[in-house]
């Protein structure tokens, strides 16, 4: 065999091996989509991946059973608001921690990183009392503010700080010589150069907010204010038993934005974690 034939065979073997390894991860996703087109009887009958009878009306019934379109919009705008706020605050804080020398900067960074070790379940009760004191129960404000200033915001700040540490200081010094203020250097030099990190932080933040379940469960009580993770648990019959065909159909619709975003920008996600360990 020639060298080229060996390389082609090697690539084919690797491709086949990766396809086999991908089956356990892809099959549940395909089963979920397939189940969204079945009846409940067929789901629990003899298992088949391809539905015997395609029930397209399941996806229409999802929107009539409860205000699913409104709940879908709730998740979209909450995740979008959290992402925008987190990008702005984390980029400012990350730049300050990376470039501005002040007393206690190291201790502050240590406290921020320590906050990542505290589970959200530990702080949910004091957060609830604080939200109730502010009169924000059964509103979307807790779902916007708590992730922005909570562990997810800390993670975003840490990632942005690690990226800003890798930027050459000479570019900032040149900007200062041109008369830029510290804020001008951040806005006109640091931010344009940190687009890969910003993209990664935006994706991670959006996915985290999109998948929130505990906070909506605690803070929301009105059906029209539910977000998607909470709405998915509400497809039950009069006896409280899950309507699996509607749940699977609704879940298939719920994962569409996540799947699209991840497929488009998965490279930025991997790069962000790689860059987070470049400098300390």
Protein backbone atom coordinates (compact mmCIF):
# COMPACT_ATOMS: atom_id res chain seq x y z
CA UNK A 1 0.00 0.00 0.00
CA UNK A 2 1.17 3.49 -0.79
CA UNK A 3 1.57 6.18 1.88
CA UNK A 4 -1.58 7.93 0.68
CA UNK A 5 -3.64 4.74 0.89
CA UNK A 6 -2.36 4.14 4.43
CA UNK A 7 -3.42 7.66 5.45
CA UNK A 8 -6.88 7.21 3.91
CA UNK A 9 -7.31 3.85 5.65
CA UNK A 10 -6.15 5.38 8.94
CA UNK A 11 -8.67 8.22 8.65
CA UNK A 12 -11.49 5.85 7.73
CA UNK A 13 -10.74 3.67 10.76
CA UNK A 14 -10.71 6.71 13.05
CA UNK A 15 -13.94 8.02 11.54
CA UNK A 16 -15.64 4.64 11.97
CA UNK A 17 -14.43 4.38 15.57
CA UNK A 18 -15.69 7.87 16.40
CA UNK A 19 -19.06 7.13 14.82
CA UNK A 20 -19.40 4.00 16.95
CA UNK A 21 -18.43 5.93 20.09
CA UNK A 22 -20.96 8.65 19.21
CA UNK A 23 -23.90 6.23 19.12
CA UNK A 24 -24.51 6.19 22.94
CA UNK A 25 -24.59 10.01 22.93
CA UNK A 26 -26.66 10.56 19.79
CA UNK A 27 -29.19 7.75 20.25
CA UNK A 28 -31.04 9.28 23.28
CA UNK A 29 -31.38 12.54 21.34
CA UNK A 30 -32.84 10.70 18.33
CA UNK A 31 -35.13 8.73 20.62
CA UNK A 32 -36.41 11.97 22.16
CA UNK A 33 -37.26 13.44 18.76
CA UNK A 34 -38.83 10.19 17.63
CA UNK A 35 -40.92 9.98 20.81
CA UNK A 36 -42.29 13.45 20.12
CA UNK A 37 -44.05 12.04 17.04
CA UNK A 38 -45.54 9.00 18.82
CA UNK A 39 -48.55 8.36 20.99
CA UNK A 40 -48.05 7.43 24.64
CA UNK A 41 -49.14 3.87 23.87
CA UNK A 42 -46.53 3.49 21.15
CA UNK A 43 -43.78 4.96 23.35
CA UNK A 44 -44.30 2.25 25.96
CA UNK A 45 -45.12 -0.46 23.42
CA UNK A 46 -42.59 -2.38 21.38
CA UNK A 47 -39.65 0.01 21.03
CA UNK A 48 -38.95 1.33 17.55
CA UNK A 49 -36.91 4.35 16.60
CA UNK A 50 -39.12 5.26 13.63
CA UNK A 51 -42.76 5.93 14.63
CA UNK A 52 -45.37 3.62 13.11
CA UNK A 53 -47.85 6.51 13.02
CA UNK A 54 -46.45 10.03 12.77
CA UNK A 55 -48.39 12.28 15.15
CA UNK A 56 -47.42 15.78 14.01
CA UNK A 57 -50.29 17.14 16.08
CA UNK A 58 -48.22 16.53 19.22
CA UNK A 59 -46.15 19.61 18.43
CA UNK A 60 -49.27 21.70 17.86
CA UNK A 61 -50.87 20.43 21.07
CA UNK A 62 -47.81 21.55 23.03
CA UNK A 63 -48.78 25.16 22.37
CA UNK A 64 -52.46 24.68 23.24
CA UNK A 65 -51.99 22.65 26.43
CA UNK A 66 -50.32 25.61 28.17
CA UNK A 67 -48.89 29.02 27.09
CA UNK A 68 -45.78 27.35 25.69
CA UNK A 69 -45.02 30.12 23.20
CA UNK A 70 -44.98 32.70 26.01
CA UNK A 71 -42.81 30.42 28.13
CA UNK A 72 -40.45 29.96 25.20
CA UNK A 73 -40.19 33.72 24.83
CA UNK A 74 -39.57 34.07 28.58
CA UNK A 75 -36.55 31.79 28.39
CA UNK A 76 -35.23 33.55 25.31
CA UNK A 77 -35.38 37.08 26.65
CA UNK A 78 -34.18 36.13 30.15
CA UNK A 79 -31.19 34.25 28.74
CA UNK A 80 -30.47 37.15 26.37
CA UNK A 81 -30.66 39.75 29.17
CA UNK A 82 -28.43 37.68 31.45
CA UNK A 83 -25.90 37.23 28.65
CA UNK A 84 -25.70 40.94 27.80
CA UNK A 85 -25.41 42.04 31.44
CA UNK A 86 -22.84 39.36 32.23
CA UNK A 87 -20.69 40.28 29.23
CA UNK A 88 -20.65 43.95 30.21
CA UNK A 89 -19.96 43.46 33.92
CA UNK A 90 -17.57 40.51 33.55
CA UNK A 91 -15.48 42.25 30.89
CA UNK A 92 -15.16 45.37 33.05
CA UNK A 93 -14.37 43.43 36.20
CA UNK A 94 -12.05 41.02 34.40
CA UNK A 95 -10.11 43.88 32.82
CA UNK A 96 -9.79 45.66 36.17
CA UNK A 97 -8.50 42.53 37.90
CA UNK A 98 -6.04 41.83 35.08
CA UNK A 99 -4.64 45.31 34.48
CA UNK A 100 -5.32 47.60 37.45
CA UNK A 101 -3.06 47.11 40.46
CA UNK A 102 -4.77 47.93 43.74
CA UNK A 103 -4.54 46.79 47.35
CA UNK A 104 -6.34 43.54 47.94
CA UNK A 105 -6.64 42.53 44.28
CA UNK A 106 -5.27 39.06 44.94
CA UNK A 107 -7.54 38.54 47.95
CA UNK A 108 -10.54 39.72 45.96
CA UNK A 109 -9.77 37.26 43.17
CA UNK A 110 -9.37 34.48 45.74
CA UNK A 111 -12.77 35.29 47.25
CA UNK A 112 -14.37 35.31 43.81
CA UNK A 113 -12.92 31.93 42.91
CA UNK A 114 -13.95 30.58 46.33
CA UNK A 115 -17.53 31.63 45.56
CA UNK A 116 -17.53 29.10 42.72
CA UNK A 117 -17.18 26.30 45.26
CA UNK A 118 -20.45 27.18 47.01
CA UNK A 119 -23.38 25.19 45.56
CA UNK A 120 -26.37 27.24 44.46
CA UNK A 121 -28.60 25.09 46.67
CA UNK A 122 -26.81 26.49 49.73
CA UNK A 123 -27.62 30.11 48.88
CA UNK A 124 -31.13 29.62 47.48
CA UNK A 125 -32.88 30.16 50.86
CA UNK A 126 -31.16 33.46 51.78
CA UNK A 127 -31.63 34.57 48.17
CA UNK A 128 -35.34 33.83 48.43
CA UNK A 129 -35.70 35.92 51.60
CA UNK A 130 -33.78 38.74 49.93
CA UNK A 131 -35.96 38.57 46.82
CA UNK A 132 -39.13 38.45 48.90
CA UNK A 133 -37.95 41.47 50.91
CA UNK A 134 -37.42 43.35 47.63
CA UNK A 135 -40.91 42.38 46.43
CA UNK A 136 -39.61 40.57 43.35
CA UNK A 137 -41.16 37.13 43.93
CA UNK A 138 -43.06 35.83 40.89
CA UNK A 139 -41.14 38.17 38.59
CA UNK A 140 -38.30 37.54 36.19
CA UNK A 141 -35.89 39.89 37.94
CA UNK A 142 -34.37 37.20 40.23
CA UNK A 143 -33.69 35.03 37.18
CA UNK A 144 -31.78 37.92 35.59
CA UNK A 145 -29.94 39.45 38.55
CA UNK A 146 -28.94 36.36 40.53
CA UNK A 147 -27.12 34.58 37.66
CA UNK A 148 -25.46 37.84 36.59
CA UNK A 149 -24.03 38.57 40.04
CA UNK A 150 -23.81 34.96 41.19
CA UNK A 151 -21.44 32.06 40.44
CA UNK A 152 -22.04 32.28 36.69
CA UNK A 153 -20.99 35.93 36.70
CA UNK A 154 -17.92 35.01 38.73
CA UNK A 155 -16.99 32.33 36.22
CA UNK A 156 -17.38 34.80 33.38
CA UNK A 157 -15.21 37.35 35.22
CA UNK A 158 -12.53 34.72 35.80
CA UNK A 159 -12.49 33.71 32.12
CA UNK A 160 -12.29 37.33 30.98
CA UNK A 161 -9.47 38.08 33.46
CA UNK A 162 -7.47 35.11 32.22
CA UNK A 163 -7.88 36.25 28.63
CA UNK A 164 -6.97 39.88 29.35
CA UNK A 165 -3.77 38.68 31.04
CA UNK A 166 -2.64 37.27 27.69
CA UNK A 167 -3.03 40.56 25.82
CA UNK A 168 0.24 42.45 25.18
CA UNK A 169 0.52 45.55 27.35
CA UNK A 170 2.32 47.42 24.55
CA UNK A 171 -0.98 47.86 22.71
CA UNK A 172 -2.56 49.44 25.76
CA UNK A 173 0.46 51.67 26.31
CA UNK A 174 0.17 52.84 22.71
CA UNK A 175 -3.50 53.65 23.28
CA UNK A 176 -2.66 55.69 26.38
CA UNK A 177 -0.03 57.62 24.41
CA UNK A 178 -2.77 58.47 21.89
CA UNK A 179 -4.80 60.01 24.69
CA UNK A 180 -7.17 57.17 25.54
CA UNK A 181 -8.46 56.93 29.09
CA UNK A 182 -8.53 53.65 30.97
CA UNK A 183 -12.15 53.16 29.88
CA UNK A 184 -11.19 54.05 26.30
CA UNK A 185 -8.41 51.45 26.30
CA UNK A 186 -10.89 48.84 27.55
CA UNK A 187 -13.51 49.75 24.96
CA UNK A 188 -11.37 50.41 21.88
CA UNK A 189 -8.47 48.00 22.38
CA UNK A 190 -9.21 45.27 24.94
CA UNK A 191 -12.80 44.51 23.90
CA UNK A 192 -12.15 44.20 20.11
CA UNK A 193 -9.21 41.89 20.80
CA UNK A 194 -11.20 39.70 23.20
CA UNK A 195 -13.98 38.70 20.83
CA UNK A 196 -13.19 34.96 21.06
CA UNK A 197 -13.39 35.10 24.87
CA UNK A 198 -16.54 37.21 24.74
CA UNK A 199 -18.14 34.73 22.37
CA UNK A 200 -17.27 31.82 24.64
CA UNK A 201 -18.55 33.61 27.75
CA UNK A 202 -21.76 34.55 25.91
CA UNK A 203 -22.39 30.94 24.89
CA UNK A 204 -21.69 29.48 28.33
CA UNK A 205 -23.81 32.14 30.03
CA UNK A 206 -26.71 31.70 27.63
CA UNK A 207 -26.73 27.93 28.06
CA UNK A 208 -26.59 28.21 31.85
CA UNK A 209 -29.48 30.66 31.98
CA UNK A 210 -31.49 28.65 29.44
CA UNK A 211 -31.19 25.49 31.56
CA UNK A 212 -32.01 27.07 34.96
CA UNK A 213 -34.57 25.02 36.84
CA UNK A 214 -34.16 25.51 40.60
CA UNK A 215 -34.44 29.30 40.57
CA UNK A 216 -37.62 29.43 38.43
CA UNK A 217 -39.10 26.69 40.61
CA UNK A 218 -38.48 28.78 43.74
CA UNK A 219 -39.29 32.27 42.50
CA UNK A 220 -42.11 31.76 39.96
CA UNK A 221 -45.69 30.68 40.54
CA UNK A 222 -47.65 32.08 37.56
CA UNK A 223 -47.96 29.73 34.61
CA UNK A 224 -47.48 32.48 32.00
CA UNK A 225 -44.18 33.48 33.67
CA UNK A 226 -42.68 29.99 33.63
CA UNK A 227 -39.47 29.35 31.73
CA UNK A 228 -38.99 26.28 29.56
CA UNK A 229 -37.30 23.95 32.08
CA UNK A 230 -40.17 24.55 34.50
CA UNK A 231 -42.82 24.34 31.77
CA UNK A 232 -41.57 20.93 30.64
CA UNK A 233 -42.60 19.42 33.97
CA UNK A 234 -46.15 20.72 33.58
CA UNK A 235 -47.33 18.40 30.79
CA UNK A 236 -49.40 16.09 33.00
CA UNK A 237 -52.84 14.58 32.73
CA UNK A 238 -55.69 15.04 35.21
CA UNK A 239 -54.19 12.34 37.45
CA UNK A 240 -50.80 14.03 37.59
CA UNK A 241 -49.14 11.48 35.34
CA UNK A 242 -46.70 12.73 32.67
CA UNK A 243 -47.90 13.05 29.09
CA UNK A 244 -44.71 11.64 27.67
CA UNK A 245 -45.43 12.32 24.02
CA UNK A 246 -46.06 16.02 24.73
CA UNK A 247 -43.05 16.26 27.05
CA UNK A 248 -40.79 14.75 24.42
CA UNK A 249 -42.18 17.03 21.72
CA UNK A 250 -41.76 20.10 23.93
CA UNK A 251 -38.24 19.05 24.91
CA UNK A 252 -37.32 18.61 21.26
CA UNK A 253 -38.40 22.21 20.62
CA UNK A 254 -36.59 23.43 23.75
CA UNK A 255 -33.19 22.07 22.72
CA UNK A 256 -33.21 23.71 19.28
CA UNK A 257 -31.57 27.04 20.35
CA UNK A 258 -28.99 25.21 22.48
CA UNK A 259 -28.10 22.83 19.67
CA UNK A 260 -27.80 25.62 17.09
CA UNK A 261 -25.64 27.81 19.33
CA UNK A 262 -23.34 24.97 20.33
CA UNK A 263 -22.86 23.70 16.79
CA UNK A 264 -22.02 27.20 15.59
CA UNK A 265 -19.61 28.14 18.36
CA UNK A 266 -18.31 24.98 20.01
CA UNK A 267 -14.77 25.97 19.05
CA UNK A 268 -14.98 29.15 21.13
CA UNK A 269 -16.15 27.14 24.14
CA UNK A 270 -13.12 24.84 23.98
CA UNK A 271 -10.75 27.76 23.42
CA UNK A 272 -12.09 29.62 26.45
CA UNK A 273 -11.26 26.76 28.80
CA UNK A 274 -7.86 26.35 27.18
CA UNK A 275 -7.10 30.03 27.62
CA UNK A 276 -8.30 30.05 31.24
CA UNK A 277 -5.15 28.25 32.31
CA UNK A 278 -2.60 30.25 30.32
CA UNK A 279 -1.82 32.72 33.10
CA UNK A 280 -2.72 32.95 36.75
